[in-house]
C-alpha atoms as a PDB file:
ATOM      1  CA  MET A   1      24.803  96.235 168.597  1.00  0.00           C
ATOM      2  CA  ALA A   2      28.066  95.742 166.783  1.00  0.00           C
ATOM      3  CA  GLU A   3      29.753  98.823 165.372  1.00  0.00           C
ATOM      4  CA  GLN A   4      28.240  99.447 161.962  1.00  0.00           C
ATOM      5  CA  THR A   5      30.159 100.718 158.946  1.00  0.00           C
ATOM      6  CA  SER A   6      27.482 100.414 156.242  1.00  0.00           C
ATOM      7  CA  ILE A   7      23.784 101.189 156.073  1.00  0.00           C
ATOM      8  CA  ASP A   8      21.252  98.471 155.398  1.00  0.00           C
ATOM      9  CA  PRO A   9      18.434  98.939 152.857  1.00  0.00           C
ATOM     10  CA  ALA A  10      15.705  98.915 155.539  1.00  0.00           C
ATOM     11  CA  VAL A  11      17.356 101.889 157.219  1.00  0.00           C
ATOM     12  CA  GLU A  12      17.646 103.632 153.838  1.00  0.00           C
ATOM     13  CA  ALA A  13      13.919 103.140 153.192  1.00  0.00           C
ATOM     14  CA  ARG A  14      13.052 104.465 156.646  1.00  0.00           C
ATOM     15  CA  VAL A  15      15.229 107.541 156.130  1.00  0.00           C
ATOM     16  CA  MET A  16      13.510 108.216 152.797  1.00  0.00           C
ATOM     17  CA  LYS A  17      10.095 108.189 154.516  1.00  0.00           C
ATOM     18  CA  ILE A  18      11.361 110.682 157.072  1.00  0.00           C
ATOM     19  CA  MET A  19      12.919 112.862 154.349  1.00  0.00           C
ATOM     20  CA  ASN A  20       9.724 112.887 152.276  1.00  0.00           C
ATOM     21  CA  THR A  21       7.657 113.801 155.331  1.00  0.00           C
ATOM     22  CA  ALA A  22      10.069 116.554 156.372  1.00  0.00           C
ATOM     23  CA  ILE A  23      10.279 118.090 152.902  1.00  0.00           C
ATOM     24  CA  HIS A  24       6.490 117.985 152.593  1.00  0.00           C
ATOM     25  CA  GLU A  25       6.182 119.657 156.004  1.00  0.00           C
ATOM     26  CA  VAL A  26       8.279 122.655 154.933  1.00  0.00           C
ATOM     27  CA  GLY A  27       6.291 123.131 151.743  1.00  0.00           C
ATOM     28  CA  GLY A  28       8.127 120.893 149.311  1.00  0.00           C
ATOM     29  CA  PRO A  29      11.466 121.147 147.514  1.00  0.00           C
ATOM     30  CA  GLY A  30      10.396 124.286 145.657  1.00  0.00           C
ATOM     31  CA  ALA A  31       9.732 126.087 148.922  1.00  0.00           C
ATOM     32  CA  LEU A  32      13.191 125.143 150.187  1.00  0.00           C
ATOM     33  CA  ILE A  33      14.766 126.512 147.017  1.00  0.00           C
ATOM     34  CA  ALA A  34      12.659 129.697 147.082  1.00  0.00           C
ATOM     35  CA  ARG A  35      13.666 130.381 150.692  1.00  0.00           C
ATOM     36  CA  ARG A  36      17.278 129.401 149.937  1.00  0.00           C
ATOM     37  CA  GLU A  37      17.112 126.711 152.602  1.00  0.00           C
ATOM     38  CA  HIS A  38      18.117 123.757 150.456  1.00  0.00           C
ATOM     39  CA  GLU A  39      21.465 123.746 152.307  1.00  0.00           C
ATOM     40  CA  MET A  40      19.528 122.051 155.087  1.00  0.00           C
ATOM     41  CA  LEU A  41      19.101 118.831 153.053  1.00  0.00           C
ATOM     42  CA  PRO A  42      22.466 117.145 153.811  1.00  0.00           C
ATOM     43  CA  ALA A  43      21.974 117.860 157.517  1.00  0.00           C
ATOM     44  CA  LEU A  44      18.394 116.576 157.318  1.00  0.00           C
ATOM     45  CA  ILE A  45      19.604 113.304 155.789  1.00  0.00           C
ATOM     46  CA  SER A  46      22.217 112.868 158.517  1.00  0.00           C
ATOM     47  CA  ALA A  47      19.688 113.697 161.229  1.00  0.00           C
ATOM     48  CA  ALA A  48      17.200 111.156 159.878  1.00  0.00           C
ATOM     49  CA  TYR A  49      19.912 108.473 159.785  1.00  0.00           C
ATOM     50  CA  ALA A  50      20.984 109.304 163.340  1.00  0.00           C
ATOM     51  CA  LEU A  51      17.435 108.967 164.659  1.00  0.00           C
ATOM     52  CA  VAL A  52      16.716 105.683 162.881  1.00  0.00           C
ATOM     53  CA  LEU A  53      20.067 104.154 163.812  1.00  0.00           C
ATOM     54  CA  ARG A  54      19.573 105.058 167.474  1.00  0.00           C
ATOM     55  CA  ASP A  55      15.883 104.188 167.832  1.00  0.00           C
ATOM     56  CA  GLU A  56      15.573 101.164 165.560  1.00  0.00           C
ATOM     57  CA  ARG A  57      19.083  99.707 165.436  1.00  0.00           C
ATOM     58  CA  HIS A  58      20.060 100.696 168.996  1.00  0.00           C
ATOM     59  CA  ALA A  59      23.374 102.063 167.758  1.00  0.00           C
ATOM     60  CA  SER A  60      25.556 104.018 170.149  1.00  0.00           C
ATOM     61  CA  THR A  61      26.250 107.696 169.599  1.00  0.00           C
ATOM     62  CA  GLU A  62      29.845 106.791 168.724  1.00  0.00           C
ATOM     63  CA  ALA A  63      28.743 104.191 166.152  1.00  0.00           C
ATOM     64  CA  ILE A  64      26.321 106.663 164.571  1.00  0.00           C
ATOM     65  CA  ALA A  65      29.038 109.318 164.378  1.00  0.00           C
ATOM     66  CA  SER A  66      31.310 106.782 162.695  1.00  0.00           C
ATOM     67  CA  VAL A  67      28.681 105.733 160.130  1.00  0.00           C
ATOM     68  CA  LEU A  68      27.840 109.371 159.361  1.00  0.00           C
ATOM     69  CA  ASN A  69      31.499 110.416 159.379  1.00  0.00           C
ATOM     70  CA  THR A  70      30.814 113.214 161.864  1.00  0.00           C
ATOM     71  CA  THR A  71      31.470 114.081 165.493  1.00  0.00           C
ATOM     72  CA  ARG A  72      29.727 112.747 168.559  1.00  0.00           C
ATOM     73  CA  GLY A  73      28.658 116.332 169.270  1.00  0.00           C
ATOM     74  CA  ALA A  74      26.932 116.631 165.911  1.00  0.00           C
ATOM     75  CA  VAL A  75      24.967 113.445 166.598  1.00  0.00           C
ATOM     76  CA  GLU A  76      24.061 114.616 170.100  1.00  0.00           C
ATOM     77  CA  ALA A  77      22.850 117.914 168.609  1.00  0.00           C
ATOM     78  CA  VAL A  78      20.263 115.973 166.601  1.00  0.00           C
ATOM     79  CA  PHE A  79      19.022 114.149 169.675  1.00  0.00           C
ATOM     80  CA  GLU A  80      18.797 117.402 171.669  1.00  0.00           C
ATOM     81  CA  ALA A  81      17.143 119.544 168.966  1.00  0.00           C
ATOM     82  CA  PRO A  82      13.700 120.721 170.175  1.00  0.00           C
ATOM     83  CA  MET A  83      11.271 119.259 167.614  1.00  0.00           C
ATOM     84  CA  GLU A  84       8.335 121.265 168.959  1.00  0.00           C
ATOM     85  CA  ALA A  85      10.055 124.508 167.971  1.00  0.00           C
ATOM     86  CA  TYR A  86      11.156 123.592 164.459  1.00  0.00           C
ATOM     87  CA  ALA A  87       8.317 125.422 162.671  1.00  0.00           C
ATOM     88  CA  ALA A  88       8.964 128.730 164.407  1.00  0.00           C
ATOM     89  CA  ARG A  89      12.686 128.329 163.892  1.00  0.00           C
ATOM     90  CA  VAL A  90      12.285 127.728 160.166  1.00  0.00           C
ATOM     91  CA  ARG A  91       9.658 130.455 159.768  1.00  0.00           C
ATOM     92  CA  ASP A  92      11.394 133.053 161.939  1.00  0.00           C
ATOM     93  CA  ARG A  93      15.015 132.328 161.183  1.00  0.00           C
ATOM     94  CA  GLU A  94      15.603 135.910 160.035  1.00  0.00           C
ATOM     95  CA  LEU A  95      14.421 137.351 163.372  1.00  0.00           C
ATOM     96  CA  GLU A  96      16.834 138.039 166.204  1.00  0.00           C
ATOM     97  CA  LEU A  97      15.016 136.268 169.015  1.00  0.00           C
ATOM     98  CA  PRO A  98      16.770 135.375 172.277  1.00  0.00           C
ATOM     99  CA  GLU A  99      15.713 131.729 172.075  1.00  0.00           C
ATOM    100  CA  PHE A 100      17.669 131.457 168.832  1.00  0.00           C
ATOM    101  CA  GLU A 101      20.972 132.562 170.358  1.00  0.00           C
ATOM    102  CA  PRO A 102      24.062 130.373 169.868  1.00  0.00           C
ATOM    103  CA  HIS A 103      24.236 127.182 171.876  1.00  0.00           C
ATOM    104  CA  MET A 104      27.110 127.178 174.368  1.00  0.00           C
ATOM    105  CA  ASP A 105      27.039 123.691 175.940  1.00  0.00           C
ATOM    106  CA  PRO A 106      30.622 122.530 176.624  1.00  0.00           C
ATOM    107  CA  ASP A 107      29.490 118.892 176.839  1.00  0.00           C
ATOM    108  CA  TRP A 108      28.883 118.698 173.096  1.00  0.00           C
ATOM    109  CA  SER A 109      32.325 117.428 172.214  1.00  0.00           C
ATOM    110  CA  GLY A 110      33.658 118.426 168.869  1.00  0.00           C
ATOM    111  CA  GLN A 111      30.992 121.059 168.285  1.00  0.00           C
ATOM    112  CA  PRO A 112      31.684 124.766 168.114  1.00  0.00           C
ATOM    113  CA  ASN A 113      29.122 127.176 169.472  1.00  0.00           C
ATOM    114  CA  THR A 114      26.083 126.139 167.449  1.00  0.00           C
ATOM    115  CA  ALA A 115      23.667 128.804 166.303  1.00  0.00           C
ATOM    116  CA  ARG A 116      20.176 127.544 166.934  1.00  0.00           C
ATOM    117  CA  LEU A 117      19.218 128.725 163.455  1.00  0.00           C
ATOM    118  CA  ASP A 118      22.072 126.848 161.838  1.00  0.00           C
ATOM    119  CA  PRO A 119      20.758 124.531 159.090  1.00  0.00           C
ATOM    120  CA  ALA A 120      22.146 121.485 160.895  1.00  0.00           C
ATOM    121  CA  TYR A 121      20.337 122.379 164.116  1.00  0.00           C
ATOM    122  CA  LEU A 122      17.093 123.128 162.285  1.00  0.00           C
ATOM    123  CA  ALA A 123      17.419 119.874 160.381  1.00  0.00           C
ATOM    124  CA  GLY A 124      17.669 117.919 163.627  1.00  0.00           C
ATOM    125  CA  ALA A 125      14.460 119.467 164.917  1.00  0.00           C
ATOM    126  CA  LEU A 126      12.675 118.936 161.599  1.00  0.00           C
ATOM    127  CA  ALA A 127      13.875 115.314 161.318  1.00  0.00           C
ATOM    128  CA  LYS A 128      12.624 114.558 164.835  1.00  0.00           C
ATOM    129  CA  PHE A 129       9.230 116.029 163.978  1.00  0.00           C
ATOM    130  CA  ALA A 130       9.008 114.111 160.675  1.00  0.00           C
ATOM    131  CA  TYR A 131      10.095 110.869 162.343  1.00  0.00           C
ATOM    132  CA  ALA A 132       7.332 111.275 164.924  1.00  0.00           C
ATOM    133  CA  VAL A 133       4.805 111.826 162.108  1.00  0.00           C
ATOM    134  CA  VAL A 134       6.015 108.705 160.272  1.00  0.00           C
ATOM    135  CA  LYS A 135       5.750 106.572 163.430  1.00  0.00           C
ATOM    136  CA  ARG A 136       2.296 107.981 164.248  1.00  0.00           C
ATOM    137  CA  GLU A 137       1.015 107.325 160.715  1.00  0.00           C
ATOM    138  CA  GLU A 138       2.310 103.748 160.845  1.00  0.00           C
ATOM    139  CA  ALA A 139       0.650 103.162 164.218  1.00  0.00           C
ATOM    140  CA  HIS A 140      -2.664 104.647 163.034  1.00  0.00           C
ATOM    141  CA  PRO A 141      -2.988 104.245 159.252  1.00  0.00           C
ATOM    142  CA  THR A 142      -5.809 106.188 157.637  1.00  0.00           C
END
């Protein structure tokens, strides 16, 4: 795929489906505001774009980072976020659990030590979960 500098409308529509699913999953926009977690929304948008650009447009990590105006490490963090743990991470983000300790992987270029409860990290996990739901619903419409 050629390096991409703009986002096409089909990608935008796909990202909106993922965003709607993710926001619904966490209880809606009001729940995000009530829990003071609305700071996760910009990271959730970026994570959804990263997933769609990689999986559906076959964009490289570097191209995605360029489109999103972020680092390669930030994009890789989305791909590595553990979607199966997003619910516990969102629900228990106030608890000091060892599995939520800062991430110390030196291979994530451009990323500082990333707290696993950081909104950007949580957004990656939530976006991956929502994307899986969207794909499953499309494969098996009700």
